[in-house]
């Protein structure tokens, strides 16, 4: 599926074009991560960073959230014996673990293809959600690597990357002035009405402008 999808885009994108891609990569059932997800389906697992030492060794930094962390650690120590891991942070509901593996099944392809990843990489059910930027030929190299090793994946979207500002010029300028004048201070140093007077617009227009600006920022944050 993924291979056919990419091939149909070869006539639309040149090899050197910067492409934005979203995809889901299925975790092979034999990997410790797949076993963990089956054993602890309620845990929220994210990948914070990845680093390759050599062709067959790499480090992955995981954040694990949930209420069964002690049971998870017992499972990890007992069942996952081929990996070395170090606990970097531990609290009631959050663990940060540095995992060193001798079989970086996806890490090798990510590094070789030089994909620029948006971290964290979230794991939903048995799939790693990946969002990346790079030349189209590098993304195709990564997908071919997955196919070579018979790793299933699903392309969510792929297209040319267009960098656009989150806010309009007006929204940016108004938020900048509001911040400098203490509208976002605690306690607030200027009221909505007085800020509107300074900007020479009505309070209702300012309120609507701020609401739309905040909505854009929040939407971008939770992408």
Protein backbone atom coordinates (compact mmCIF):
# COMPACT_ATOMS: atom_id res chain seq x y z
CA UNK A 1 0.00 0.00 0.00
CA UNK A 2 2.66 2.48 1.05
CA UNK A 3 4.94 1.66 -1.87
CA UNK A 4 2.19 2.19 -4.44
CA UNK A 5 1.21 5.46 -2.79
CA UNK A 6 4.75 6.80 -3.02
CA UNK A 7 5.21 5.70 -6.60
CA UNK A 8 2.16 7.63 -7.71
CA UNK A 9 3.77 10.78 -6.29
CA UNK A 10 7.05 10.44 -8.17
CA UNK A 11 5.72 12.60 -10.96
CA UNK A 12 4.56 15.30 -8.57
CA UNK A 13 7.71 15.70 -6.45
CA UNK A 14 11.34 15.94 -7.42
CA UNK A 15 13.94 13.96 -5.46
CA UNK A 16 15.24 17.14 -3.82
CA UNK A 17 11.83 18.47 -2.75
CA UNK A 18 11.28 18.73 0.99
CA UNK A 19 8.35 16.51 1.86
CA UNK A 20 6.22 16.34 5.00
CA UNK A 21 5.01 12.85 5.86
CA UNK A 22 2.83 11.28 8.54
CA UNK A 23 2.72 7.52 8.94
CA UNK A 24 2.08 4.71 11.40
CA UNK A 25 4.62 1.90 11.72
CA UNK A 26 3.41 -1.38 13.19
CA UNK A 27 5.63 -2.74 15.95
CA UNK A 28 6.59 -6.37 15.16
CA UNK A 29 5.00 -8.80 17.60
CA UNK A 30 8.40 -10.20 18.64
CA UNK A 31 9.68 -6.85 19.98
CA UNK A 32 9.60 -6.07 23.70
CA UNK A 33 7.52 -2.98 23.03
CA UNK A 34 4.74 -5.01 21.41
CA UNK A 35 4.81 -7.46 24.34
CA UNK A 36 4.62 -4.55 26.79
CA UNK A 37 1.64 -2.99 25.01
CA UNK A 38 -0.22 -6.30 25.07
CA UNK A 39 0.53 -6.76 28.77
CA UNK A 40 -0.17 -3.13 29.79
CA UNK A 41 -2.66 -1.63 27.30
CA UNK A 42 -3.49 1.33 29.58
CA UNK A 43 0.06 2.71 29.68
CA UNK A 44 0.85 5.80 27.60
CA UNK A 45 4.22 5.26 25.94
CA UNK A 46 6.12 7.91 23.97
CA UNK A 47 9.59 7.99 22.42
CA UNK A 48 11.45 11.16 23.42
CA UNK A 49 14.64 10.60 21.42
CA UNK A 50 16.66 8.02 19.49
CA UNK A 51 20.39 7.61 18.94
CA UNK A 52 22.35 5.04 16.93
CA UNK A 53 25.77 3.84 18.18
CA UNK A 54 26.53 1.36 15.42
CA UNK A 55 24.79 -0.76 12.80
CA UNK A 56 23.18 -2.97 15.44
CA UNK A 57 23.18 -0.91 18.65
CA UNK A 58 21.16 2.10 19.64
CA UNK A 59 19.62 4.08 22.49
CA UNK A 60 15.97 5.05 22.83
CA UNK A 61 14.56 7.35 25.50
CA UNK A 62 11.02 6.44 26.57
CA UNK A 63 8.42 8.26 28.64
CA UNK A 64 5.84 5.93 30.21
CA UNK A 65 2.74 7.24 31.97
CA UNK A 66 0.20 5.23 33.90
CA UNK A 67 -0.79 3.64 37.18
CA UNK A 68 0.90 0.24 36.84
CA UNK A 69 4.49 1.41 36.64
CA UNK A 70 5.84 -0.90 39.33
CA UNK A 71 4.24 -3.90 37.64
CA UNK A 72 5.66 -2.66 34.35
CA UNK A 73 9.18 -2.49 35.81
CA UNK A 74 8.88 -6.01 37.21
CA UNK A 75 7.77 -7.23 33.79
CA UNK A 76 10.63 -5.39 32.10
CA UNK A 77 13.27 -6.86 34.39
CA UNK A 78 11.89 -10.37 34.14
CA UNK A 79 10.77 -10.69 30.52
CA UNK A 80 13.05 -8.35 28.61
CA UNK A 81 16.51 -9.77 29.25
CA UNK A 82 18.23 -8.86 25.99
CA UNK A 83 18.10 -5.11 26.64
CA UNK A 84 19.92 -2.81 29.05
CA UNK A 85 17.87 0.00 30.52
CA UNK A 86 18.39 2.80 33.01
CA UNK A 87 15.68 4.64 34.93
CA UNK A 88 16.33 8.38 34.58
CA UNK A 89 13.17 9.56 36.35
CA UNK A 90 10.57 7.81 38.44
CA UNK A 91 7.43 9.18 40.11
CA UNK A 92 3.98 7.82 40.92
CA UNK A 93 2.69 7.95 37.35
CA UNK A 94 5.68 8.83 35.12
CA UNK A 95 8.81 6.90 34.17
CA UNK A 96 11.61 8.04 31.88
CA UNK A 97 13.76 5.13 30.75
CA UNK A 98 16.87 5.01 28.62
CA UNK A 99 16.84 1.71 26.71
CA UNK A 100 19.94 0.36 24.94
CA UNK A 101 19.25 -2.35 22.39
CA UNK A 102 21.30 -4.55 20.07
CA UNK A 103 18.49 -4.70 17.53
CA UNK A 104 17.43 -1.14 16.65
CA UNK A 105 14.90 -2.39 14.11
CA UNK A 106 13.52 1.01 13.13
CA UNK A 107 16.22 3.29 14.51
CA UNK A 108 18.76 2.18 11.91
CA UNK A 109 16.46 3.16 9.06
CA UNK A 110 15.55 6.48 10.67
CA UNK A 111 19.18 7.47 11.10
CA UNK A 112 20.30 6.33 7.65
CA UNK A 113 17.47 8.17 5.93
CA UNK A 114 18.26 11.31 7.99
CA UNK A 115 14.61 12.00 8.70
CA UNK A 116 13.88 15.11 10.76
CA UNK A 117 11.39 13.76 13.29
CA UNK A 118 8.87 15.63 15.37
CA UNK A 119 9.25 14.34 18.92
CA UNK A 120 7.77 12.84 20.94
CA UNK A 121 6.77 9.85 18.83
CA UNK A 122 3.50 8.63 20.30
CA UNK A 123 2.64 4.95 20.44
CA UNK A 124 -1.01 4.06 19.95
CA UNK A 125 -1.96 0.42 20.41
CA UNK A 126 0.74 -1.46 18.46
CA UNK A 127 1.83 1.40 16.18
CA UNK A 128 4.44 4.17 16.33
CA UNK A 129 3.12 7.44 14.96
CA UNK A 130 5.82 9.23 12.98
CA UNK A 131 5.81 12.76 11.56
CA UNK A 132 8.90 13.73 9.60
CA UNK A 133 10.45 16.14 7.11
CA UNK A 134 13.09 15.37 4.51
CA UNK A 135 13.85 15.03 0.85
CA UNK A 136 11.37 12.80 -0.92
CA UNK A 137 14.09 10.33 -1.90
CA UNK A 138 15.13 9.93 1.78
CA UNK A 139 11.57 9.26 2.88
CA UNK A 140 11.23 6.70 0.10
CA UNK A 141 14.50 5.08 1.28
CA UNK A 142 13.04 4.77 4.80
CA UNK A 143 9.83 3.17 3.53
CA UNK A 144 11.73 0.74 1.32
CA UNK A 145 13.76 -0.28 4.37
CA UNK A 146 10.53 -1.09 6.20
CA UNK A 147 9.31 -3.12 3.25
CA UNK A 148 12.62 -5.00 3.00
CA UNK A 149 12.28 -6.10 6.62
CA UNK A 150 8.55 -6.77 6.16
CA UNK A 151 7.56 -4.13 8.69
CA UNK A 152 4.00 -3.00 8.10
CA UNK A 153 3.23 0.69 7.83
CA UNK A 154 0.40 2.97 6.79
CA UNK A 155 0.87 6.36 5.14
CA UNK A 156 -1.47 8.91 6.67
CA UNK A 157 -0.41 11.86 4.51
CA UNK A 158 2.46 13.00 2.33
CA UNK A 159 3.00 16.29 0.54
CA UNK A 160 5.26 19.26 -0.07
CA UNK A 161 6.22 21.17 3.05
CA UNK A 162 5.02 24.75 3.21
CA UNK A 163 6.16 26.66 6.25
CA UNK A 164 3.46 29.12 7.25
CA UNK A 165 3.11 31.28 10.38
CA UNK A 166 0.74 30.12 13.09
CA UNK A 167 -0.62 33.65 13.63
CA UNK A 168 -1.48 36.42 11.20
CA UNK A 169 0.63 39.59 11.36
CA UNK A 170 -2.16 41.39 13.19
CA UNK A 171 -2.65 38.58 15.71
CA UNK A 172 1.09 38.42 16.33
CA UNK A 173 1.37 42.17 16.88
CA UNK A 174 -1.65 42.35 19.21
CA UNK A 175 -0.43 39.42 21.33
CA UNK A 176 3.02 40.99 21.52
CA UNK A 177 1.59 44.31 22.75
CA UNK A 178 -0.77 42.56 25.17
CA UNK A 179 2.15 40.61 26.64
CA UNK A 180 4.39 43.67 27.00
CA UNK A 181 1.60 45.67 28.68
CA UNK A 182 0.94 42.96 31.26
CA UNK A 183 -2.33 41.51 29.99
CA UNK A 184 -0.99 38.00 30.65
CA UNK A 185 0.70 38.86 33.95
CA UNK A 186 -0.57 37.43 37.24
CA UNK A 187 -2.21 39.56 38.49
CA UNK A 188 -3.14 41.25 35.23
CA UNK A 189 -1.62 44.74 34.90
CA UNK A 190 -4.02 45.99 32.26
CA UNK A 191 -7.69 45.21 31.63
CA UNK A 192 -9.22 44.14 28.35
CA UNK A 193 -11.02 47.48 28.07
CA UNK A 194 -7.89 49.58 28.62
CA UNK A 195 -5.87 47.39 26.25
CA UNK A 196 -8.59 47.85 23.61
CA UNK A 197 -8.35 51.63 24.08
CA UNK A 198 -4.58 51.50 23.58
CA UNK A 199 -5.05 49.47 20.39
CA UNK A 200 -7.92 51.74 19.26
CA UNK A 201 -10.39 48.90 18.76
CA UNK A 202 -13.54 47.90 20.63
CA UNK A 203 -13.30 45.51 23.61
CA UNK A 204 -15.53 43.01 21.82
CA UNK A 205 -13.30 43.05 18.71
CA UNK A 206 -10.19 42.61 20.87
CA UNK A 207 -11.79 39.75 22.78
CA UNK A 208 -12.65 37.96 19.52
CA UNK A 209 -9.14 38.56 18.10
CA UNK A 210 -7.51 37.14 21.24
CA UNK A 211 -9.86 34.16 21.27
CA UNK A 212 -9.00 33.27 17.66
CA UNK A 213 -5.28 33.76 18.34
CA UNK A 214 -5.39 31.49 21.38
CA UNK A 215 -7.35 28.88 19.40
CA UNK A 216 -4.64 28.83 16.70
CA UNK A 217 -1.87 28.47 19.26
CA UNK A 218 -3.64 25.67 21.12
CA UNK A 219 -4.44 23.81 17.88
CA UNK A 220 -0.80 23.98 16.80
CA UNK A 221 0.38 22.83 20.24
CA UNK A 222 -1.80 19.71 20.20
CA UNK A 223 -1.12 18.71 16.58
